[in-house]
Amino acid sequence: MIVHNGKISLSTQGFSDCRDITPLLVDHVRESGVTQGLLTVMISGSTGAVTTIEFESGAISDLKEALEAIAPTDKEYAHNLRWGDGNGFSHVRAALMKPALSIPVVEGKLCLGTWQQVVFLDFDNRPRQRSLVVQVMGKSDRE
């Protein structure tokens, strides 16, 4: 079995900044040599999330609007009262969206739909340097 570990580094702006990381994940699958297996990507942090969506401006805008309705930026959060950092909304959004995603790899390709991309969302209230962990596990047809 092959286990390929990697990393994706991003500079983000916070406030639901959304980045398409699909091409970077495709590169990790190719580099790994895995043709049948599983890719997992995870943000190491409590104010970001990984999910899938059609990466186009309308869908991204709709997602951001929905997240603002569920966990408003300007609401009073107990986290803010305790820590004074003003990012309580980002922790709630990240917990709802989840930090990791696993995608099957079949015939060396990620099993994504035609209009489905993998995105990273940075919910914090300031720009950040983000590090995502990528792991591809499986076998190669050469094995």
Protein backbone atom coordinates (compact mmCIF):
# COMPACT_ATOMS: atom_id res chain seq x y z
CA MET A 1 0.00 0.00 0.00
CA ILE A 2 1.11 3.53 -0.81
CA VAL A 3 0.77 6.33 1.73
CA HIS A 4 1.58 9.77 0.35
CA ASN A 5 1.61 12.71 2.78
CA GLY A 6 1.62 16.28 1.61
CA LYS A 7 0.69 19.84 2.45
CA ILE A 8 -1.05 22.78 0.85
CA SER A 9 -0.08 26.28 1.99
CA LEU A 10 -2.46 29.18 1.38
CA SER A 11 -2.53 32.88 2.16
CA THR A 12 -6.15 33.77 2.90
CA GLN A 13 -8.15 36.88 3.74
CA GLY A 14 -10.63 35.45 6.27
CA PHE A 15 -14.34 36.31 6.41
CA SER A 16 -15.35 33.22 4.35
CA ASP A 17 -12.54 33.60 1.81
CA CYS A 18 -13.08 30.61 -0.51
CA ARG A 19 -10.29 28.93 -2.49
CA ASP A 20 -10.58 26.16 -5.08
CA ILE A 21 -7.97 23.57 -4.08
CA THR A 22 -9.06 20.89 -6.57
CA PRO A 23 -6.06 21.28 -8.92
CA LEU A 24 -3.67 21.02 -5.97
CA LEU A 25 -5.36 17.79 -4.82
CA VAL A 26 -5.18 16.37 -8.35
CA ASP A 27 -1.44 17.07 -8.26
CA HIS A 28 -1.12 15.13 -4.98
CA VAL A 29 -2.94 12.13 -6.43
CA ARG A 30 -0.67 12.18 -9.49
CA GLU A 31 2.49 12.53 -7.35
CA SER A 32 1.38 9.67 -5.09
CA GLY A 33 1.04 7.14 -7.88
CA VAL A 34 -2.17 5.85 -6.26
CA THR A 35 -4.69 4.63 -8.82
CA GLN A 36 -7.21 3.03 -6.44
CA GLY A 37 -7.62 4.50 -2.96
CA LEU A 38 -8.65 7.50 -0.95
CA LEU A 39 -7.55 11.12 -0.62
CA THR A 40 -8.15 12.99 2.63
CA VAL A 41 -7.58 16.71 3.07
CA MET A 42 -7.81 18.49 6.43
CA ILE A 43 -7.25 21.97 7.77
CA SER A 44 -5.22 22.03 10.96
CA GLY A 45 -7.11 24.76 12.74
CA SER A 46 -10.49 25.56 14.24
CA THR A 47 -11.59 28.45 12.01
CA GLY A 48 -11.52 26.88 8.55
CA ALA A 49 -13.33 24.15 6.64
CA VAL A 50 -13.06 21.92 3.59
CA THR A 51 -16.10 21.05 1.44
CA THR A 52 -17.30 20.61 -2.12
CA ILE A 53 -19.34 23.04 -4.20
CA GLU A 54 -19.58 24.25 -7.77
CA PHE A 55 -16.85 26.88 -7.66
CA GLU A 56 -18.63 29.72 -9.43
CA SER A 57 -19.39 33.18 -8.10
CA GLY A 58 -23.15 32.67 -7.65
CA ALA A 59 -22.86 29.44 -5.66
CA ILE A 60 -20.04 30.87 -3.55
CA SER A 61 -22.05 34.02 -2.82
CA ASP A 62 -25.09 31.90 -1.88
CA LEU A 63 -22.98 29.79 0.50
CA LYS A 64 -21.49 32.86 2.18
CA GLU A 65 -24.97 34.37 2.56
CA ALA A 66 -26.30 31.14 4.11
CA LEU A 67 -23.40 31.00 6.56
CA GLU A 68 -23.97 34.62 7.55
CA ALA A 69 -27.64 33.78 8.26
CA ILE A 70 -26.70 30.74 10.37
CA ALA A 71 -23.75 32.24 12.27
CA PRO A 72 -23.81 36.04 11.84
CA THR A 73 -20.55 37.93 12.01
CA ASP A 74 -21.96 40.63 14.31
CA LYS A 75 -23.74 38.39 16.86
CA GLU A 76 -22.51 38.35 20.46
CA TYR A 77 -20.65 35.05 21.03
CA ALA A 78 -19.57 33.64 24.40
CA HIS A 79 -16.19 32.89 22.80
CA ASN A 80 -15.69 36.60 22.12
CA LEU A 81 -16.59 37.49 25.70
CA ARG A 82 -14.06 34.98 27.02
CA TRP A 83 -11.17 35.62 24.61
CA GLY A 84 -11.90 39.08 23.17
CA ASP A 85 -10.72 38.10 19.70
CA GLY A 86 -14.02 38.70 17.86
CA ASN A 87 -13.94 35.45 15.88
CA GLY A 88 -16.65 33.45 17.64
CA PHE A 89 -18.59 33.27 14.37
CA SER A 90 -15.63 31.65 12.64
CA HIS A 91 -15.46 28.80 15.17
CA VAL A 92 -19.19 28.11 14.81
CA ARG A 93 -19.04 28.13 11.00
CA ALA A 94 -16.01 25.84 10.96
CA ALA A 95 -17.66 23.38 13.35
CA LEU A 96 -20.76 23.24 11.16
CA MET A 97 -18.84 22.85 7.89
CA LYS A 98 -16.15 20.41 9.21
CA PRO A 99 -12.35 20.44 8.88
CA ALA A 100 -11.80 17.42 6.61
CA LEU A 101 -13.03 15.68 3.49
CA SER A 102 -12.27 12.27 2.01
CA ILE A 103 -12.66 11.51 -1.70
CA PRO A 104 -12.29 8.13 -3.43
CA VAL A 105 -9.55 7.79 -6.03
CA VAL A 106 -10.52 5.52 -8.92
CA GLU A 107 -8.28 4.90 -11.94
CA GLY A 108 -5.97 7.64 -10.68
CA LYS A 109 -8.68 10.31 -10.59
CA LEU A 110 -10.67 11.96 -7.82
CA CYS A 111 -14.33 10.87 -7.91
CA LEU A 112 -15.82 14.33 -8.30
CA GLY A 113 -18.82 15.34 -10.38
CA THR A 114 -18.51 17.52 -13.46
CA TRP A 115 -19.36 20.71 -11.59
CA GLN A 116 -17.96 19.71 -8.20
CA GLN A 117 -14.80 21.28 -6.84
CA VAL A 118 -13.08 20.97 -3.47
CA VAL A 119 -12.77 24.27 -1.65
CA PHE A 120 -11.15 25.61 1.49
CA LEU A 121 -13.08 28.25 3.42
CA ASP A 122 -11.27 30.56 5.85
CA PHE A 123 -13.76 31.87 8.39
CA ASP A 124 -11.38 33.79 10.65
CA ASN A 125 -11.66 37.56 11.06
CA ARG A 126 -8.23 38.38 9.66
CA PRO A 127 -5.78 37.28 6.94
CA ARG A 128 -3.98 34.02 7.72
CA GLN A 129 -1.32 31.65 6.47
CA ARG A 130 -3.10 28.30 6.28
CA SER A 131 -1.71 24.79 6.09
CA LEU A 132 -3.83 21.88 4.90
CA VAL A 133 -2.71 18.28 5.35
CA VAL A 134 -3.20 15.96 2.37
CA GLN A 135 -2.95 12.19 2.55
CA VAL A 136 -3.43 9.82 -0.37
CA MET A 137 -3.61 6.12 0.48
CA GLY A 138 -4.17 3.15 -1.74
CA LYS A 139 -2.54 1.03 -4.36
CA SER A 140 -1.05 1.47 -7.77
CA ASP A 141 -2.06 -0.65 -10.73
CA ARG A 142 1.67 -1.42 -11.00
CA GLU A 143 1.57 -3.29 -7.68
